[in-house]
Amino acid sequence: MSDGSQMPALDVVALREEFPILKRDAYGKRLVYLDNAASAQKPRAVIDAIKIAMEHSYANVHRGLHLLSNETTAAYENARETAARFLNAASSDEIIFTSGGTDAMNLVANAMGVDEIGQGDEVILSVMEHHSNIVPWHFLRERKGAVVKWLDVSDDGEIDLGAYEKLFTDRTKIVAITHMSNVLGAPTPVKELTRIAHEHGAKIFIDGCQGAVHGGVDVQNIDCDFYAITGHKLYGPSGIGVLYGKKSVMNSLPPFKGGGEMIDLVTTETVTYNDTPHRFEAGTPPILEAIGLGAALNWMSEKGVDAIAAHEANLRDAALDALSKLNFVRVFGRASNKAPIIAFNVDGAHPHDVSTILDRTGVAVRAGHHCAQPLMERLGVTATSRASFGVYNTFDDIEALIKGLHKTHEMLS
């Protein structure tokens, strides 16, 4: 994530006009949307791309030979090319469309679980993973006898590379680790994590569902085997995500789902499979959603990923400074170069109550365990509130959050 230095400033006032939903109110008050780590709002460019596709040229993709199918296929495959550029993949063949980050994680776990991960084979996870990057590996523990090994983190979410390397044995098959904590906002040293995994003959899967939102991603530079993103956090639609996978790795894995498109030849006696990416895209894909994701990634690139990160870094610093002045608020995680994702608790108040009262002031935050229960246990809490900032948030939004927290404390103390 950028530190905010020497980056062109975004015109956030003008940019906010591109998000129709920000014009509405909440209980008669200005909507302050601070739940971006869960799902970001959509700019007009994304809404229009989906609308135009539905109204002008919608048809199923690939095997149709008529005009509408050809046009829709071109738009769908252009979205694949856009995703490849966004992640700096070597080829668009390394971009597999999924229904989201969760689907991508399940795809990798299930495909590797066929032949590569069995009884006694090891998977390394960190304690700050999202449940989507925990449960599929637990499936392999339950069903295949795999061993899940856990990497601890500091209170701020930082990783000790020495402790990480000590977890490897000759039975370690894969590391599955987040690029950025969805609770602490802490980035992980993915390039070093990848280097160490490869030195020990293991593959590495990186959950980039948060990390790709807050800074540029170069999968070739990282050298990871797999990297997942999800559309709804990237200002795109829900129901769409991307699994990047090295072409040589993906072609060596068996398909996860069976159906149309993923086959080469089907007879009554046998079946052969297509090459990646199509071998992992069974059935009618999320066509409109992919087109919307392509529009979202183009929109982010046009605004400038570095400029977005610089703006968010300024919001992060201002929010952390303002919260540090509230002696009734505990903030979790202050890792160097963290994302604008701030988990906090109000003394004597349950996070659900905090969220409810803030909501009535027009401020939308999230409360709960954030699908990260192992991390909650590590932090010694059952839940937190979480304010997460996006490209359209302003310093006025921070002021509204602070005012709402003062009101919350007055009501609940």
Protein backbone atom coordinates (compact mmCIF):
# COMPACT_ATOMS: atom_id res chain seq x y z
CA MET A 1 0.00 0.00 0.00
CA SER A 2 1.23 3.51 -0.79
CA ASP A 3 2.49 5.78 1.94
CA GLY A 4 0.75 8.72 0.29
CA SER A 5 3.91 10.61 -0.75
CA GLN A 6 4.36 12.29 -4.13
CA MET A 7 1.12 10.95 -5.57
CA PRO A 8 -1.39 13.02 -7.58
CA ALA A 9 -4.38 13.92 -5.44
CA LEU A 10 -7.79 12.53 -6.38
CA ASP A 11 -10.68 14.93 -6.86
CA VAL A 12 -12.82 13.07 -4.35
CA VAL A 13 -15.71 15.55 -4.55
CA ALA A 14 -16.04 14.90 -8.29
CA LEU A 15 -15.38 11.21 -7.86
CA ARG A 16 -18.23 10.84 -5.36
CA GLU A 17 -20.62 12.03 -8.07
CA GLU A 18 -19.86 8.83 -9.95
CA PHE A 19 -21.47 6.75 -7.17
CA PRO A 20 -25.27 7.09 -7.32
CA ILE A 21 -25.85 5.39 -3.97
CA LEU A 22 -23.93 8.09 -2.11
CA LYS A 23 -26.71 10.55 -2.94
CA ARG A 24 -29.18 8.77 -0.66
CA ASP A 25 -29.53 9.40 3.05
CA ALA A 26 -29.69 7.10 6.06
CA TYR A 27 -32.42 7.87 8.59
CA GLY A 28 -32.54 11.44 7.31
CA LYS A 29 -28.79 11.92 7.67
CA ARG A 30 -25.96 11.94 5.16
CA LEU A 31 -24.87 8.39 4.39
CA VAL A 32 -21.35 7.71 5.64
CA TYR A 33 -20.42 4.31 4.23
CA LEU A 34 -17.51 2.76 6.13
CA ASP A 35 -18.11 -0.93 5.39
CA ASN A 36 -15.91 -1.12 2.31
CA ALA A 37 -13.86 -4.10 3.49
CA ALA A 38 -17.08 -6.13 3.34
CA SER A 39 -18.29 -4.72 0.03
CA ALA A 40 -17.61 -1.48 -1.85
CA GLN A 41 -20.16 0.64 -3.68
CA LYS A 42 -20.31 0.73 -7.49
CA PRO A 43 -19.47 3.63 -9.81
CA ARG A 44 -21.70 4.58 -12.72
CA ALA A 45 -19.16 3.06 -15.14
CA VAL A 46 -19.81 -0.41 -13.69
CA ILE A 47 -23.58 0.02 -13.52
CA ASP A 48 -23.70 1.25 -17.12
CA ALA A 49 -21.46 -1.55 -18.42
CA ILE A 50 -23.82 -4.20 -17.04
CA LYS A 51 -26.92 -2.30 -18.19
CA ILE A 52 -25.58 -1.87 -21.73
CA ALA A 53 -24.62 -5.54 -21.94
CA MET A 54 -28.13 -6.57 -20.88
CA GLU A 55 -29.92 -4.14 -23.17
CA HIS A 56 -27.73 -4.28 -26.24
CA SER A 57 -25.98 -7.59 -26.83
CA TYR A 58 -26.63 -10.20 -24.15
CA ALA A 59 -26.28 -13.86 -25.18
CA ASN A 60 -24.37 -16.88 -23.93
CA VAL A 61 -20.68 -16.86 -24.65
CA HIS A 62 -18.25 -18.86 -26.75
CA ARG A 63 -19.96 -21.50 -28.88
CA GLY A 64 -22.71 -19.31 -30.34
CA LEU A 65 -21.90 -18.11 -33.85
CA HIS A 66 -24.45 -15.30 -34.08
CA LEU A 67 -23.90 -11.56 -33.65
CA LEU A 68 -25.05 -11.22 -30.04
CA SER A 69 -23.00 -14.19 -28.87
CA ASN A 70 -19.92 -12.89 -30.64
CA GLU A 71 -20.31 -9.45 -29.09
CA THR A 72 -20.88 -10.82 -25.60
CA THR A 73 -17.99 -13.27 -25.94
CA ALA A 74 -15.71 -10.41 -26.92
CA ALA A 75 -16.80 -8.35 -23.90
CA TYR A 76 -16.39 -11.34 -21.57
CA GLU A 77 -12.91 -12.18 -22.86
CA ASN A 78 -11.93 -8.50 -22.80
CA ALA A 79 -12.72 -8.59 -19.07
CA ARG A 80 -10.31 -11.52 -18.76
CA GLU A 81 -7.62 -9.48 -20.51
CA THR A 82 -8.33 -6.56 -18.19
CA ALA A 83 -7.95 -8.78 -15.12
CA ALA A 84 -4.66 -10.13 -16.51
CA ARG A 85 -3.33 -6.57 -16.90
CA PHE A 86 -4.58 -5.59 -13.43
CA LEU A 87 -2.65 -8.47 -11.83
CA ASN A 88 0.20 -8.43 -14.38
CA ALA A 89 -0.36 -12.07 -15.27
CA ALA A 90 1.84 -13.44 -18.03
CA SER A 91 -1.22 -14.45 -20.05
CA SER A 92 -4.99 -14.13 -19.90
CA ASP A 93 -5.01 -17.94 -19.91
CA GLU A 94 -3.93 -17.66 -16.27
CA ILE A 95 -7.14 -15.82 -15.36
CA ILE A 96 -10.01 -18.06 -14.24
CA PHE A 97 -13.36 -16.46 -13.54
CA THR A 98 -15.01 -17.70 -10.36
CA SER A 99 -18.08 -16.68 -8.39
CA GLY A 100 -15.81 -14.84 -5.94
CA GLY A 101 -12.83 -15.24 -3.65
CA THR A 102 -14.46 -18.06 -1.70
CA ASP A 103 -15.05 -20.02 -4.88
CA ALA A 104 -11.42 -19.51 -5.91
CA MET A 105 -10.15 -20.83 -2.57
CA ASN A 106 -12.42 -23.86 -2.74
CA LEU A 107 -11.29 -24.52 -6.30
CA VAL A 108 -7.62 -24.68 -5.32
CA ALA A 109 -8.22 -26.76 -2.17
CA ASN A 110 -10.46 -29.25 -3.93
CA ALA A 111 -8.26 -29.58 -7.01
CA MET A 112 -5.13 -30.13 -4.93
CA GLY A 113 -7.00 -32.50 -2.65
CA VAL A 114 -7.54 -35.00 -5.46
CA ASP A 115 -3.92 -36.12 -5.90
CA GLU A 116 -1.52 -33.71 -4.19
CA ILE A 117 -2.77 -33.51 -0.60
CA GLY A 118 -3.52 -36.68 1.34
CA GLN A 119 -3.03 -38.33 4.71
CA GLY A 120 -0.31 -36.56 6.67
CA ASP A 121 0.36 -33.87 4.07
CA GLU A 122 0.58 -30.36 5.47
CA VAL A 123 -1.07 -27.02 4.79
CA ILE A 124 0.26 -23.83 6.42
CA LEU A 125 -2.24 -21.09 7.33
CA SER A 126 -1.90 -17.92 9.39
CA VAL A 127 -4.20 -17.23 12.35
CA MET A 128 -5.52 -14.09 10.65
CA GLU A 129 -7.07 -15.82 7.66
CA HIS A 130 -10.66 -15.21 6.61
CA HIS A 131 -12.85 -18.27 7.11
CA SER A 132 -12.98 -18.66 3.32
CA ASN A 133 -9.28 -19.48 3.44
CA ILE A 134 -9.62 -21.78 6.44
CA VAL A 135 -12.69 -23.96 5.97
CA PRO A 136 -11.74 -25.51 2.57
CA TRP A 137 -8.45 -26.67 4.12
CA HIS A 138 -10.30 -28.03 7.15
CA PHE A 139 -12.32 -30.08 4.65
CA LEU A 140 -9.06 -31.70 3.55
CA ARG A 141 -8.13 -32.27 7.19
CA GLU A 142 -11.49 -33.96 7.86
CA ARG A 143 -11.79 -35.90 4.62
CA LYS A 144 -8.21 -36.63 3.54
CA GLY A 145 -6.28 -36.63 6.79
CA ALA A 146 -4.29 -33.52 5.93
CA VAL A 147 -2.50 -31.61 8.70
CA VAL A 148 -3.23 -27.89 9.14
CA LYS A 149 -0.32 -25.97 10.68
CA TRP A 150 -0.82 -22.48 12.09
CA LEU A 151 1.43 -19.46 11.80
CA ASP A 152 0.99 -16.97 14.64
CA VAL A 153 1.17 -13.19 14.10
CA SER A 154 1.97 -10.24 16.34
CA ASP A 155 -0.75 -8.13 17.93
CA ASP A 156 -0.45 -5.85 14.90
CA GLY A 157 -0.70 -8.73 12.43
CA GLU A 158 2.96 -8.86 11.48
CA ILE A 159 4.67 -12.14 10.51
CA ASP A 160 7.94 -13.52 11.83
CA LEU A 161 9.57 -15.05 8.74
CA GLY A 162 11.86 -17.18 10.90
CA ALA A 163 8.90 -18.75 12.69
CA TYR A 164 7.21 -19.22 9.31
CA GLU A 165 10.13 -21.11 7.84
CA LYS A 166 10.31 -23.43 10.83
CA LEU A 167 6.82 -24.73 10.02
CA PHE A 168 7.96 -26.41 6.79
CA THR A 169 8.73 -30.09 6.48
CA ASP A 170 9.04 -32.41 3.52
CA ARG A 171 5.28 -33.04 3.87
CA THR A 172 4.31 -29.37 3.37
CA LYS A 173 2.32 -29.08 0.13
CA ILE A 174 0.92 -25.55 0.17
CA VAL A 175 0.84 -22.28 2.06
CA ALA A 176 -2.50 -20.46 1.98
CA ILE A 177 -2.18 -16.94 3.33
CA THR A 178 -3.79 -13.55 3.08
CA HIS A 179 -2.17 -10.59 1.33
CA MET A 180 -3.85 -8.28 3.84
CA SER A 181 -5.86 -8.93 7.00
CA ASN A 182 -9.52 -8.02 6.68
CA VAL A 183 -9.53 -7.14 10.41
CA LEU A 184 -6.17 -5.53 11.16
CA GLY A 185 -5.43 -4.18 7.69
CA ALA A 186 -1.95 -5.65 8.07
CA PRO A 187 -0.16 -6.48 4.80
CA THR A 188 1.94 -9.62 4.61
CA PRO A 189 5.37 -9.94 2.90
CA VAL A 190 3.99 -12.09 0.10
CA LYS A 191 7.12 -12.09 -2.03
CA GLU A 192 9.25 -13.41 0.83
CA LEU A 193 6.56 -15.87 1.86
CA THR A 194 6.49 -17.16 -1.70
CA ARG A 195 10.26 -17.44 -1.95
CA ILE A 196 10.48 -19.49 1.25
CA ALA A 197 7.58 -21.75 0.24
CA HIS A 198 9.19 -22.50 -3.13
CA GLU A 199 12.56 -23.17 -1.51
CA HIS A 200 10.81 -25.92 0.45
CA GLY A 201 9.06 -27.33 -2.62
CA ALA A 202 5.60 -26.08 -1.61
CA LYS A 203 3.04 -24.11 -3.58
CA ILE A 204 1.52 -20.89 -2.28
CA PHE A 205 -2.00 -19.52 -2.55
CA ILE A 206 -2.52 -15.83 -1.72
CA ASP A 207 -5.91 -14.46 -0.73
CA GLY A 208 -5.80 -11.03 -2.34
CA CYS A 209 -9.42 -10.08 -1.73
CA GLN A 210 -8.31 -7.18 0.49
CA GLY A 211 -4.77 -6.67 -0.73
CA ALA A 212 -5.67 -6.03 -4.36
CA VAL A 213 -8.04 -3.24 -3.34
CA HIS A 214 -5.44 -1.09 -1.61
CA GLY A 215 -2.40 -1.24 -3.89
CA GLY A 216 -1.04 -2.61 -7.12
CA VAL A 217 -0.49 -6.36 -7.52
CA ASP A 218 2.17 -7.97 -9.70
CA VAL A 219 1.76 -11.73 -9.56
CA GLN A 220 4.82 -12.30 -11.74
CA ASN A 221 6.96 -10.30 -9.34
CA ILE A 222 5.50 -12.10 -6.33
CA ASP A 223 5.93 -15.42 -8.21
CA CYS A 224 2.95 -16.96 -6.37
CA ASP A 225 1.24 -20.04 -7.75
CA PHE A 226 -2.30 -18.78 -7.06
CA TYR A 227 -3.82 -15.38 -6.27
CA ALA A 228 -7.51 -14.68 -5.70
CA ILE A 229 -9.53 -11.46 -5.94
CA THR A 230 -13.24 -10.77 -5.60
CA GLY A 231 -15.26 -8.26 -7.57
CA HIS A 232 -17.52 -6.78 -4.93
CA LYS A 233 -14.62 -5.34 -2.92
CA LEU A 234 -13.06 -3.85 -6.08
CA TYR A 235 -16.03 -1.55 -6.85
CA GLY A 236 -17.46 -4.27 -9.10
CA PRO A 237 -20.46 -6.59 -8.85
CA SER A 238 -20.88 -9.50 -6.49
CA GLY A 239 -20.95 -13.07 -7.81
CA ILE A 240 -17.66 -12.68 -9.68
CA GLY A 241 -14.02 -13.17 -8.78
CA VAL A 242 -10.75 -14.19 -10.32
CA LEU A 243 -8.32 -16.98 -9.58
CA TYR A 244 -4.92 -16.31 -11.05
CA GLY A 245 -3.00 -19.54 -11.45
CA LYS A 246 0.28 -20.20 -13.19
CA LYS A 247 -0.62 -21.91 -16.43
CA SER A 248 1.72 -24.84 -15.87
CA VAL A 249 0.29 -25.39 -12.38
CA MET A 250 -3.36 -25.11 -13.42
CA ASN A 251 -2.97 -27.50 -16.36
CA SER A 252 -1.51 -30.06 -13.97
CA LEU A 253 -4.57 -29.95 -11.67
CA PRO A 254 -7.79 -31.90 -12.24
CA PRO A 255 -10.98 -29.90 -12.80
CA PHE A 256 -13.05 -29.00 -9.74
CA LYS A 257 -16.47 -28.89 -11.44
CA GLY A 258 -17.82 -30.80 -14.40
CA GLY A 259 -20.11 -29.54 -17.14
CA GLY A 260 -20.06 -27.67 -20.40
CA GLU A 261 -17.06 -25.67 -21.61
CA MET A 262 -14.51 -27.45 -19.38
CA ILE A 263 -14.35 -30.52 -21.60
CA ASP A 264 -12.38 -31.42 -24.68
CA LEU A 265 -14.25 -34.61 -25.67
CA VAL A 266 -17.08 -36.51 -24.01
CA THR A 267 -18.14 -40.02 -25.06
CA THR A 268 -20.11 -42.75 -23.38
CA GLU A 269 -16.82 -44.28 -22.30
CA THR A 270 -14.54 -41.39 -21.38
CA VAL A 271 -14.00 -37.66 -20.98
CA THR A 272 -10.99 -35.45 -21.69
CA TYR A 273 -10.58 -31.94 -20.38
CA ASN A 274 -9.98 -28.51 -21.82
CA ASP A 275 -6.90 -26.45 -20.97
CA THR A 276 -6.93 -23.67 -18.42
CA PRO A 277 -8.75 -21.35 -17.97
CA HIS A 278 -11.75 -23.12 -19.48
CA ARG A 279 -11.14 -26.45 -17.69
CA PHE A 280 -12.10 -24.63 -14.47
CA GLU A 281 -15.09 -22.68 -15.82
CA ALA A 282 -17.81 -25.32 -16.08
CA GLY A 283 -21.21 -24.26 -17.32
CA THR A 284 -22.56 -20.85 -18.21
CA PRO A 285 -20.21 -18.39 -16.54
CA PRO A 286 -21.14 -15.16 -14.68
CA ILE A 287 -21.17 -13.23 -17.96
CA LEU A 288 -22.64 -9.89 -16.90
CA GLU A 289 -20.72 -9.95 -13.64
CA ALA A 290 -17.42 -10.51 -15.49
CA ILE A 291 -18.18 -7.59 -17.79
CA GLY A 292 -18.94 -5.48 -14.72
CA LEU A 293 -15.70 -6.56 -13.06
CA GLY A 294 -13.76 -5.61 -16.17
CA ALA A 295 -15.37 -2.16 -16.04
CA ALA A 296 -14.49 -1.83 -12.35
CA LEU A 297 -10.83 -2.75 -12.89
CA ASN A 298 -10.58 -0.35 -15.83
CA TRP A 299 -12.17 2.36 -13.66
CA MET A 300 -9.63 1.78 -10.88
CA SER A 301 -6.77 1.83 -13.38
CA GLU A 302 -8.03 5.08 -14.88
CA LYS A 303 -8.23 6.74 -11.47
CA GLY A 304 -4.78 5.40 -10.67
CA VAL A 305 -4.18 2.57 -8.22
CA ASP A 306 -1.36 4.56 -6.60
CA ALA A 307 -3.52 7.68 -6.32
CA ILE A 308 -6.30 5.65 -4.69
CA ALA A 309 -3.82 4.11 -2.25
CA ALA A 310 -2.37 7.52 -1.39
CA HIS A 311 -5.81 8.95 -0.66
CA GLU A 312 -6.69 5.96 1.49
CA ALA A 313 -3.39 6.26 3.37
CA ASN A 314 -4.26 9.85 4.25
CA LEU A 315 -7.68 8.74 5.49
CA ARG A 316 -6.08 5.94 7.52
CA ASP A 317 -3.66 8.30 9.23
CA ALA A 318 -6.34 10.86 10.00
CA ALA A 319 -8.75 8.24 11.36
CA LEU A 320 -6.11 6.60 13.55
CA ASP A 321 -5.09 9.99 14.91
CA ALA A 322 -8.69 10.94 15.68
CA LEU A 323 -9.45 7.60 17.33
CA SER A 324 -6.29 7.78 19.46
CA LYS A 325 -7.78 10.83 21.17
CA LEU A 326 -10.81 8.87 22.37
CA ASN A 327 -9.80 7.30 25.68
CA PHE A 328 -12.80 4.98 25.55
CA VAL A 329 -11.83 3.36 22.24
CA ARG A 330 -9.34 0.52 21.75
CA VAL A 331 -7.91 0.14 18.26
CA PHE A 332 -6.59 -3.25 17.13
CA GLY A 333 -3.57 -3.40 14.85
CA ARG A 334 -1.14 -0.65 13.91
CA ALA A 335 1.10 -2.49 11.48
CA SER A 336 3.44 -0.45 9.33
CA ASN A 337 1.76 0.57 6.07
CA LYS A 338 -1.56 -0.96 7.10
CA ALA A 339 -4.67 -0.55 4.99
CA PRO A 340 -7.50 1.87 5.91
CA ILE A 341 -9.21 -0.97 7.79
CA ILE A 342 -9.61 -0.15 11.47
CA ALA A 343 -10.99 -2.63 13.99
CA PHE A 344 -11.90 -1.13 17.35
CA ASN A 345 -13.97 -1.62 20.48
CA VAL A 346 -15.73 0.90 22.72
CA ASP A 347 -15.21 0.35 26.44
CA GLY A 348 -18.16 -1.35 28.07
CA ALA A 349 -20.13 -1.72 24.83
CA HIS A 350 -20.78 -4.71 22.60
CA PRO A 351 -19.74 -4.11 18.98
CA HIS A 352 -23.27 -4.89 17.78
CA ASP A 353 -24.64 -2.10 19.96
CA VAL A 354 -21.94 0.26 18.73
CA SER A 355 -22.79 -0.53 15.11
CA THR A 356 -26.52 -0.07 15.71
CA ILE A 357 -26.13 3.35 17.31
CA LEU A 358 -23.66 4.50 14.66
CA ASP A 359 -26.11 3.37 12.00
CA ARG A 360 -28.76 5.72 13.40
CA THR A 361 -26.29 8.59 12.98
CA GLY A 362 -25.88 7.66 9.30
CA VAL A 363 -22.54 5.88 9.75
CA ALA A 364 -22.34 2.32 8.39
CA VAL A 365 -19.68 0.11 10.00
CA ARG A 366 -19.45 -3.66 10.47
CA ALA A 367 -19.53 -5.54 13.77
CA GLY A 368 -18.81 -9.15 14.67
CA HIS A 369 -15.95 -11.58 14.22
CA HIS A 370 -15.52 -10.61 10.55
CA CYS A 371 -15.21 -14.28 9.52
CA ALA A 372 -11.90 -14.39 11.38
CA GLN A 373 -12.58 -16.28 14.60
CA PRO A 374 -9.02 -17.63 15.03
CA LEU A 375 -7.77 -14.04 14.95
CA MET A 376 -10.43 -12.95 17.44
CA GLU A 377 -9.20 -15.68 19.78
CA ARG A 378 -5.61 -14.51 19.21
CA LEU A 379 -6.62 -10.94 20.13
CA GLY A 380 -8.59 -12.06 23.17
CA VAL A 381 -11.96 -10.76 22.02
CA THR A 382 -15.11 -12.28 20.57
CA ALA A 383 -15.92 -9.41 18.20
CA THR A 384 -14.94 -5.90 17.13
CA SER A 385 -16.43 -3.01 15.26
CA ARG A 386 -14.70 -2.21 11.98
CA ALA A 387 -14.56 0.99 9.98
CA SER A 388 -13.06 0.52 6.52
CA PHE A 389 -12.46 3.29 4.03
CA GLY A 390 -12.68 3.40 0.26
CA VAL A 391 -11.83 5.73 -2.58
CA TYR A 392 -14.93 7.92 -2.10
CA ASN A 393 -14.57 8.47 1.64
CA THR A 394 -13.60 11.90 2.98
CA PHE A 395 -12.27 13.54 6.11
CA ASP A 396 -15.87 14.61 6.81
CA ASP A 397 -16.68 10.90 7.06
CA ILE A 398 -14.04 10.53 9.76
CA GLU A 399 -15.56 13.45 11.66
CA ALA A 400 -18.99 11.82 11.42
CA LEU A 401 -17.55 8.56 12.80
CA ILE A 402 -15.95 10.34 15.75
CA LYS A 403 -19.14 12.24 16.55
CA GLY A 404 -21.09 8.99 16.36
CA LEU A 405 -18.67 7.29 18.74
CA HIS A 406 -19.03 10.12 21.26
CA LYS A 407 -22.79 9.65 21.11
CA THR A 408 -22.41 5.88 21.45
CA HIS A 409 -20.20 6.25 24.52
CA GLU A 410 -22.64 8.67 26.13
CA MET A 411 -25.55 6.30 25.58
CA LEU A 412 -23.82 3.09 26.69
CA SER A 413 -21.39 4.16 29.40
